[in-house]
Amino acid sequence: MTHLLLLLFAILPGLLWLLYYLRKDKHPEPKKLIVLVFFIGALFAIFGYFFQQYLSSLFSLLEDNFLSFALFFVYFHKFFIIAFTEEFLKYLSFSLTMKKNTELDEPIDIIIYMITAAMGFATLENIIIFFSLDTTVISFTEIVKISLLRLFSGTLLHLFSSGILGVFIVYFYRFNKPIILFSGFLVATFLHGLYNMIASRIEADPTLFAPLLIFFFTSLSLILSFGIKRANRMQAVSIFKK
């Protein structure tokens, strides 16, 4: 199994979803900006990976020494160390590159660039996963299965959570109320953490948690679609305070 083939199947999930959602924008964004935000998202994923590795090892030690708080540490790990930090880093990828960019002139653009940053983030995650596989024993069929699994699981979760956060950011700029942005982070973090909880139980009870995950993603898809439709109807003026 060549590294080039692994790289291809690692990149495909994020790329396919990005191309699909770019079509939602009636006035396409500059390709250079899309590529830039995508790679900044991937860059922040590298930072997030090492940050999470450090915090996870630290909390493992705490969990070993405070067994009575083990359940608290499990939830804290899934909802804060993983979910919140990743949602914040994806937002930071968007904010640092696009906040004062004149190309960000329509409400829908915010959602598109948030999704772009998320797909960059998810793609780097996929690359880490694929390149940690034992290429001496894994078959081409298994590589395809893993790529499809990432397409409809972790990558899709990043898309929905960041896209929905993007909807909140649209309203934050529209009404200039920080509580809206704060609420967006709470919602995105909760959704991300909830996915982590469901995904961790699928192997133990697939008959219950697999349908639950399908329902979960279907619901998020409808919420994001509604948010995109509302953003497309908004006026392009006054979404930013110059």
Protein backbone atom coordinates (compact mmCIF):
# COMPACT_ATOMS: atom_id res chain seq x y z
CA MET A 1 0.00 0.00 0.00
CA THR A 2 1.67 3.24 -1.13
CA HIS A 3 1.68 6.41 0.93
CA LEU A 4 0.21 8.28 -2.03
CA LEU A 5 -2.85 5.99 -2.02
CA LEU A 6 -3.28 6.42 1.73
CA LEU A 7 -3.06 10.18 1.32
CA LEU A 8 -5.67 10.13 -1.43
CA PHE A 9 -8.24 8.21 0.62
CA ALA A 10 -7.49 10.37 3.67
CA ILE A 11 -8.17 13.58 1.71
CA LEU A 12 -11.25 12.41 -0.20
CA PRO A 13 -13.88 12.62 2.62
CA GLY A 14 -13.19 16.26 3.45
CA LEU A 15 -12.73 17.25 -0.17
CA LEU A 16 -16.01 15.69 -1.30
CA TRP A 17 -18.05 17.37 1.42
CA LEU A 18 -16.33 20.70 0.79
CA LEU A 19 -17.08 20.58 -2.94
CA TYR A 20 -20.71 19.73 -2.19
CA TYR A 21 -21.25 22.66 0.18
CA LEU A 22 -19.35 25.16 -1.95
CA ARG A 23 -22.21 24.77 -4.43
CA LYS A 24 -24.59 26.23 -1.82
CA ASP A 25 -23.02 29.66 -2.33
CA LYS A 26 -24.69 31.51 -5.21
CA HIS A 27 -21.63 33.75 -5.55
CA PRO A 28 -18.59 31.42 -5.37
CA GLU A 29 -15.66 32.47 -3.19
CA PRO A 30 -12.12 32.99 -4.56
CA LYS A 31 -10.38 29.64 -4.87
CA LYS A 32 -7.20 31.03 -3.29
CA LEU A 33 -9.11 31.97 -0.14
CA ILE A 34 -10.82 28.60 0.05
CA VAL A 35 -7.44 26.86 -0.21
CA LEU A 36 -5.92 29.21 2.40
CA VAL A 37 -8.69 28.66 4.96
CA PHE A 38 -8.60 24.90 4.29
CA PHE A 39 -4.87 24.72 5.01
CA ILE A 40 -5.11 26.98 8.07
CA GLY A 41 -7.76 24.60 9.40
CA ALA A 42 -5.38 21.69 8.81
CA LEU A 43 -2.55 23.59 10.53
CA PHE A 44 -4.66 24.16 13.64
CA ALA A 45 -5.54 20.46 13.66
CA ILE A 46 -1.83 19.69 14.14
CA PHE A 47 -1.73 22.00 17.14
CA GLY A 48 -4.97 20.48 18.44
CA TYR A 49 -3.59 16.95 18.11
CA PHE A 50 -0.54 17.59 20.30
CA PHE A 51 -2.54 19.72 22.74
CA GLN A 52 -5.10 16.95 23.19
CA GLN A 53 -2.38 14.32 23.55
CA TYR A 54 -0.83 16.31 26.39
CA LEU A 55 -4.12 16.97 28.19
CA SER A 56 -5.33 13.39 27.71
CA SER A 57 -2.18 11.99 29.34
CA LEU A 58 -2.54 14.48 32.18
CA PHE A 59 -6.16 13.55 32.83
CA SER A 60 -5.34 9.85 32.65
CA LEU A 61 -3.03 10.37 35.61
CA LEU A 62 -5.72 12.30 37.46
CA GLU A 63 -8.28 9.60 36.70
CA ASP A 64 -5.96 6.91 38.09
CA ASN A 65 -5.51 8.88 41.31
CA PHE A 66 -9.14 9.98 41.73
CA LEU A 67 -11.17 6.93 40.76
CA SER A 68 -14.32 8.29 42.39
CA PHE A 69 -14.30 11.08 39.76
CA ALA A 70 -13.67 8.73 36.82
CA LEU A 71 -17.07 9.41 35.19
CA PHE A 72 -16.50 13.16 35.47
CA PHE A 73 -13.13 12.81 33.72
CA VAL A 74 -14.71 10.77 30.90
CA TYR A 75 -17.31 13.46 30.18
CA PHE A 76 -14.80 16.27 30.64
CA HIS A 77 -12.46 14.59 28.15
CA LYS A 78 -15.14 14.09 25.48
CA PHE A 79 -16.90 17.44 25.85
CA PHE A 80 -14.07 19.81 26.74
CA ILE A 81 -10.66 18.39 25.83
CA ILE A 82 -11.94 17.07 22.49
CA ALA A 83 -15.18 18.84 21.56
CA PHE A 84 -14.62 22.39 22.81
CA THR A 85 -10.96 22.66 21.86
CA GLU A 86 -11.63 21.42 18.33
CA GLU A 87 -14.61 23.74 17.82
CA PHE A 88 -12.58 26.68 19.13
CA LEU A 89 -9.60 25.87 16.89
CA LYS A 90 -11.82 25.61 13.80
CA TYR A 91 -13.40 28.95 14.67
CA LEU A 92 -9.93 30.42 15.18
CA SER A 93 -8.92 29.17 11.73
CA PHE A 94 -11.84 31.08 10.24
CA SER A 95 -11.50 34.18 12.41
CA LEU A 96 -7.77 34.76 11.91
CA THR A 97 -7.99 34.48 8.12
CA MET A 98 -11.38 35.97 7.29
CA LYS A 99 -12.60 38.35 10.01
CA LYS A 100 -11.56 41.55 8.21
CA ASN A 101 -11.39 40.19 4.68
CA THR A 102 -13.42 42.20 2.17
CA GLU A 103 -14.41 38.99 0.37
CA LEU A 104 -16.58 38.15 3.38
CA ASP A 105 -19.45 40.24 2.07
CA GLU A 106 -22.48 37.93 2.39
CA PRO A 107 -23.93 36.07 5.40
CA ILE A 108 -23.62 32.71 3.62
CA ASP A 109 -19.87 33.31 3.24
CA ILE A 110 -19.40 32.90 7.00
CA ILE A 111 -20.93 29.43 6.92
CA ILE A 112 -18.96 28.44 3.81
CA TYR A 113 -15.62 29.47 5.32
CA MET A 114 -16.42 27.81 8.64
CA ILE A 115 -17.15 24.58 6.75
CA THR A 116 -13.94 25.04 4.76
CA ALA A 117 -11.87 25.41 7.94
CA ALA A 118 -13.63 22.35 9.38
CA MET A 119 -12.85 20.25 6.33
CA GLY A 120 -9.20 21.24 6.53
CA PHE A 121 -9.20 20.27 10.20
CA ALA A 122 -10.97 16.96 9.52
CA THR A 123 -8.67 16.13 6.60
CA LEU A 124 -5.57 16.45 8.76
CA GLU A 125 -7.24 14.20 11.34
CA ASN A 126 -7.92 11.67 8.59
CA ILE A 127 -4.31 11.81 7.41
CA ILE A 128 -3.11 11.06 10.96
CA ILE A 129 -5.53 8.12 11.18
CA PHE A 130 -4.57 6.66 7.79
CA PHE A 131 -0.84 6.99 8.31
CA SER A 132 -1.09 5.23 11.67
CA LEU A 133 -2.43 2.10 9.94
CA ASP A 134 -0.22 -0.95 9.47
CA THR A 135 0.21 -0.92 5.68
CA THR A 136 1.79 -4.39 5.71
CA VAL A 137 -1.45 -6.12 6.70
CA ILE A 138 -4.28 -3.80 5.67
CA SER A 139 -5.94 -4.40 2.30
CA PHE A 140 -7.18 -1.97 -0.32
CA THR A 141 -10.79 -2.90 0.51
CA GLU A 142 -10.25 -2.04 4.15
CA ILE A 143 -8.74 1.33 3.16
CA VAL A 144 -11.86 2.12 1.12
CA LYS A 145 -14.10 1.08 4.03
CA ILE A 146 -12.23 3.34 6.45
CA SER A 147 -12.44 6.25 4.01
CA LEU A 148 -16.21 5.75 3.65
CA LEU A 149 -16.55 5.47 7.42
CA ARG A 150 -14.74 8.79 7.87
CA LEU A 151 -16.88 10.32 5.11
CA PHE A 152 -20.07 9.58 7.03
CA SER A 153 -18.82 9.90 10.61
CA GLY A 154 -16.02 12.10 11.96
CA THR A 155 -15.65 14.28 8.86
CA LEU A 156 -19.40 14.83 8.66
CA LEU A 157 -19.52 15.72 12.36
CA HIS A 158 -16.91 18.44 11.86
CA LEU A 159 -18.88 19.82 8.93
CA PHE A 160 -22.20 20.00 10.79
CA SER A 161 -20.86 21.36 14.08
CA SER A 162 -18.81 24.10 12.39
CA GLY A 163 -21.54 24.87 9.87
CA ILE A 164 -24.11 25.31 12.64
CA LEU A 165 -21.64 27.44 14.61
CA GLY A 166 -21.30 29.47 11.39
CA VAL A 167 -25.06 30.12 11.47
CA PHE A 168 -24.71 31.51 15.00
CA ILE A 169 -21.79 33.69 13.86
CA VAL A 170 -24.00 35.12 11.11
CA TYR A 171 -26.56 36.21 13.71
CA PHE A 172 -23.80 37.40 16.05
CA TYR A 173 -22.57 39.83 13.39
CA ARG A 174 -26.12 40.68 12.41
CA PHE A 175 -27.22 41.76 15.89
CA ASN A 176 -23.83 42.38 17.54
CA LYS A 177 -24.71 40.37 20.64
CA PRO A 178 -21.84 38.28 22.15
CA ILE A 179 -24.39 35.97 23.82
CA ILE A 180 -25.24 34.62 20.36
CA LEU A 181 -21.62 33.64 19.69
CA PHE A 182 -21.34 32.14 23.19
CA SER A 183 -24.53 30.12 22.57
CA GLY A 184 -23.10 28.94 19.25
CA PHE A 185 -20.03 27.56 20.99
CA LEU A 186 -22.20 25.82 23.58
CA VAL A 187 -24.36 24.22 20.89
CA ALA A 188 -21.40 23.16 18.69
CA THR A 189 -19.54 21.75 21.71
CA PHE A 190 -22.59 19.87 22.93
CA LEU A 191 -23.26 18.36 19.49
CA HIS A 192 -19.61 17.38 19.09
CA GLY A 193 -19.47 15.86 22.57
CA LEU A 194 -22.75 14.02 22.04
CA TYR A 195 -21.34 12.51 18.84
CA ASN A 196 -18.26 11.39 20.79
CA MET A 197 -20.48 9.64 23.32
CA ILE A 198 -22.61 7.91 20.67
CA ALA A 199 -19.61 6.89 18.53
CA SER A 200 -17.84 5.38 21.53
CA ARG A 201 -20.81 3.06 22.14
CA ILE A 202 -21.52 1.87 18.59
CA GLU A 203 -19.25 -1.17 18.71
CA ALA A 204 -20.74 -2.25 22.05
CA ASP A 205 -24.34 -1.99 20.85
CA PRO A 206 -24.59 -1.26 17.08
CA THR A 207 -28.32 -2.10 16.87
CA LEU A 208 -29.13 0.81 19.19
CA PHE A 209 -26.41 3.39 18.56
CA ALA A 210 -26.00 3.09 14.77
CA PRO A 211 -29.65 4.15 14.10
CA LEU A 212 -29.25 6.82 16.77
CA LEU A 213 -26.22 8.20 14.94
CA ILE A 214 -28.14 8.23 11.63
CA PHE A 215 -30.98 10.15 13.31
CA PHE A 216 -28.42 12.51 14.87
CA PHE A 217 -26.76 13.34 11.55
CA THR A 218 -30.10 13.66 9.75
CA SER A 219 -31.24 16.19 12.35
CA LEU A 220 -28.02 18.19 12.04
CA SER A 221 -28.31 18.17 8.25
CA LEU A 222 -31.81 19.66 8.45
CA ILE A 223 -30.69 22.31 10.96
CA LEU A 224 -27.74 23.35 8.80
CA SER A 225 -29.88 23.40 5.64
CA PHE A 226 -32.38 25.67 7.38
CA GLY A 227 -29.56 27.96 8.55
CA ILE A 228 -28.11 28.17 5.04
CA LYS A 229 -31.52 29.07 3.58
CA ARG A 230 -31.98 31.82 6.16
CA ALA A 231 -28.49 33.16 5.50
CA ASN A 232 -29.14 33.23 1.75
CA ARG A 233 -32.23 35.37 2.34
CA MET A 234 -30.41 37.97 4.43
CA GLN A 235 -29.21 41.24 3.00
CA ALA A 236 -25.49 41.42 2.37
CA VAL A 237 -25.17 44.83 4.04
CA SER A 238 -24.51 45.55 7.71
CA ILE A 239 -23.49 42.05 8.79
CA PHE A 240 -20.17 43.53 9.97
CA LYS A 241 -19.48 46.56 12.08
CA LYS A 242 -16.68 48.38 10.29
